[in-house]
C-alpha atoms as a PDB file:
ATOM      1  CA  UNK A   1     -16.642  -3.746  12.602  1.00  0.00           C
ATOM      2  CA  UNK A   2     -15.291  -5.986   9.818  1.00  0.00           C
ATOM      3  CA  UNK A   3     -11.760  -6.988  10.010  1.00  0.00           C
ATOM      4  CA  UNK A   4      -9.333  -8.035   7.068  1.00  0.00           C
ATOM      5  CA  UNK A   5      -5.701  -8.616   7.553  1.00  0.00           C
ATOM      6  CA  UNK A   6      -3.277  -9.366   4.798  1.00  0.00           C
ATOM      7  CA  UNK A   7       0.501 -10.056   5.012  1.00  0.00           C
ATOM      8  CA  UNK A   8       2.709 -10.053   2.098  1.00  0.00           C
ATOM      9  CA  UNK A   9       6.271 -11.453   1.679  1.00  0.00           C
ATOM     10  CA  UNK A  10       7.542  -9.660  -1.396  1.00  0.00           C
ATOM     11  CA  UNK A  11       9.804 -11.529  -3.904  1.00  0.00           C
ATOM     12  CA  UNK A  12      10.819  -9.848  -7.276  1.00  0.00           C
ATOM     13  CA  UNK A  13       8.725 -10.807 -10.232  1.00  0.00           C
ATOM     14  CA  UNK A  14       6.124 -12.861  -8.141  1.00  0.00           C
ATOM     15  CA  UNK A  15       3.158 -10.468  -8.306  1.00  0.00           C
ATOM     16  CA  UNK A  16       2.147  -7.165  -9.791  1.00  0.00           C
ATOM     17  CA  UNK A  17       1.507  -4.955  -6.838  1.00  0.00           C
ATOM     18  CA  UNK A  18      -1.158  -2.885  -8.610  1.00  0.00           C
ATOM     19  CA  UNK A  19      -3.002  -6.040  -9.611  1.00  0.00           C
ATOM     20  CA  UNK A  20      -3.059  -6.957  -5.927  1.00  0.00           C
ATOM     21  CA  UNK A  21      -4.277  -3.523  -4.793  1.00  0.00           C
ATOM     22  CA  UNK A  22      -6.897  -3.438  -7.452  1.00  0.00           C
ATOM     23  CA  UNK A  23      -8.300  -6.851  -6.270  1.00  0.00           C
ATOM     24  CA  UNK A  24      -8.306  -5.580  -2.494  1.00  0.00           C
ATOM     25  CA  UNK A  25     -10.105  -2.366  -3.597  1.00  0.00           C
ATOM     26  CA  UNK A  26     -12.774  -4.403  -5.541  1.00  0.00           C
ATOM     27  CA  UNK A  27     -13.274  -6.616  -2.528  1.00  0.00           C
ATOM     28  CA  UNK A  28     -13.649  -3.692  -0.286  1.00  0.00           C
ATOM     29  CA  UNK A  29     -16.154  -1.997  -2.561  1.00  0.00           C
ATOM     30  CA  UNK A  30     -18.065  -5.306  -2.750  1.00  0.00           C
ATOM     31  CA  UNK A  31     -18.104  -5.431   0.996  1.00  0.00           C
ATOM     32  CA  UNK A  32     -18.999  -1.790   1.345  1.00  0.00           C
ATOM     33  CA  UNK A  33     -15.845  -1.050   3.390  1.00  0.00           C
ATOM     34  CA  UNK A  34     -12.686   0.830   3.276  1.00  0.00           C
ATOM     35  CA  UNK A  35      -9.310  -0.777   3.814  1.00  0.00           C
ATOM     36  CA  UNK A  36      -6.356   0.737   5.574  1.00  0.00           C
ATOM     37  CA  UNK A  37      -3.151  -0.012   3.956  1.00  0.00           C
ATOM     38  CA  UNK A  38      -0.386   0.618   6.638  1.00  0.00           C
ATOM     39  CA  UNK A  39       3.174   0.406   5.366  1.00  0.00           C
ATOM     40  CA  UNK A  40       5.689   0.263   8.016  1.00  0.00           C
ATOM     41  CA  UNK A  41       9.387   1.060   7.337  1.00  0.00           C
ATOM     42  CA  UNK A  42       8.364   2.802   4.136  1.00  0.00           C
ATOM     43  CA  UNK A  43      12.020   3.469   3.068  1.00  0.00           C
ATOM     44  CA  UNK A  44      12.318  -0.296   2.377  1.00  0.00           C
ATOM     45  CA  UNK A  45       9.937   0.102  -0.551  1.00  0.00           C
ATOM     46  CA  UNK A  46      12.658   1.843  -2.521  1.00  0.00           C
ATOM     47  CA  UNK A  47      15.115  -1.121  -2.149  1.00  0.00           C
ATOM     48  CA  UNK A  48      12.420  -3.166  -3.932  1.00  0.00           C
ATOM     49  CA  UNK A  49      12.504  -0.960  -6.931  1.00  0.00           C
ATOM     50  CA  UNK A  50       9.107   0.721  -6.180  1.00  0.00           C
ATOM     51  CA  UNK A  51       8.562   4.404  -6.536  1.00  0.00           C
ATOM     52  CA  UNK A  52       6.610   5.485  -3.359  1.00  0.00           C
ATOM     53  CA  UNK A  53       5.263   8.715  -4.797  1.00  0.00           C
ATOM     54  CA  UNK A  54       4.000   6.940  -7.933  1.00  0.00           C
ATOM     55  CA  UNK A  55       2.471   4.179  -5.702  1.00  0.00           C
ATOM     56  CA  UNK A  56       0.679   6.611  -3.544  1.00  0.00           C
ATOM     57  CA  UNK A  57      -0.551   8.610  -6.574  1.00  0.00           C
ATOM     58  CA  UNK A  58      -1.893   5.376  -8.138  1.00  0.00           C
ATOM     59  CA  UNK A  59      -3.743   4.477  -4.943  1.00  0.00           C
ATOM     60  CA  UNK A  60      -5.248   7.956  -4.459  1.00  0.00           C
ATOM     61  CA  UNK A  61      -6.161   8.424  -8.063  1.00  0.00           C
ATOM     62  CA  UNK A  62      -7.616   4.991  -8.723  1.00  0.00           C
ATOM     63  CA  UNK A  63      -8.355   3.133  -5.620  1.00  0.00           C
ATOM     64  CA  UNK A  64     -11.102   4.922  -3.712  1.00  0.00           C
ATOM     65  CA  UNK A  65     -11.580   2.173  -1.166  1.00  0.00           C
ATOM     66  CA  UNK A  66      -8.005   2.031   0.139  1.00  0.00           C
ATOM     67  CA  UNK A  67      -6.633   4.518   2.536  1.00  0.00           C
ATOM     68  CA  UNK A  68      -2.916   4.567   2.965  1.00  0.00           C
ATOM     69  CA  UNK A  69      -0.861   5.286   6.134  1.00  0.00           C
ATOM     70  CA  UNK A  70       2.996   5.370   6.167  1.00  0.00           C
ATOM     71  CA  UNK A  71       5.047   4.799   9.250  1.00  0.00           C
ATOM     72  CA  UNK A  72       8.675   4.913   9.997  1.00  0.00           C
ATOM     73  CA  UNK A  73      10.734   4.288  13.029  1.00  0.00           C
ATOM     74  CA  UNK A  74      13.154   7.221  12.406  1.00  0.00           C
ATOM     75  CA  UNK A  75      11.936  10.706  12.671  1.00  0.00           C
ATOM     76  CA  UNK A  76      12.005  12.352   9.225  1.00  0.00           C
ATOM     77  CA  UNK A  77      12.816   9.264   7.140  1.00  0.00           C
ATOM     78  CA  UNK A  78       9.320   9.256   5.475  1.00  0.00           C
ATOM     79  CA  UNK A  79      10.136  12.567   3.872  1.00  0.00           C
ATOM     80  CA  UNK A  80      13.423  11.077   2.581  1.00  0.00           C
ATOM     81  CA  UNK A  81      11.517   8.038   1.067  1.00  0.00           C
ATOM     82  CA  UNK A  82       9.178  10.349  -0.744  1.00  0.00           C
END
């Protein structure tokens, strides 16, 4: 099994998230693998100005080599974040 791990510290205006995800998707396609994008504390994405539903829709519609998993420590908070 191949392993790839990426950790990102987010700063406003430093990167375009979709470009980063597109690069990961292309790399996964080139390697013939699928990448699991696990997002912990998903409600924090809203404080970064990201629309979680739009992000998930973009990944689902355009990035076939990325599988997304959302996690949260508070029961029911994922529904509120979406």
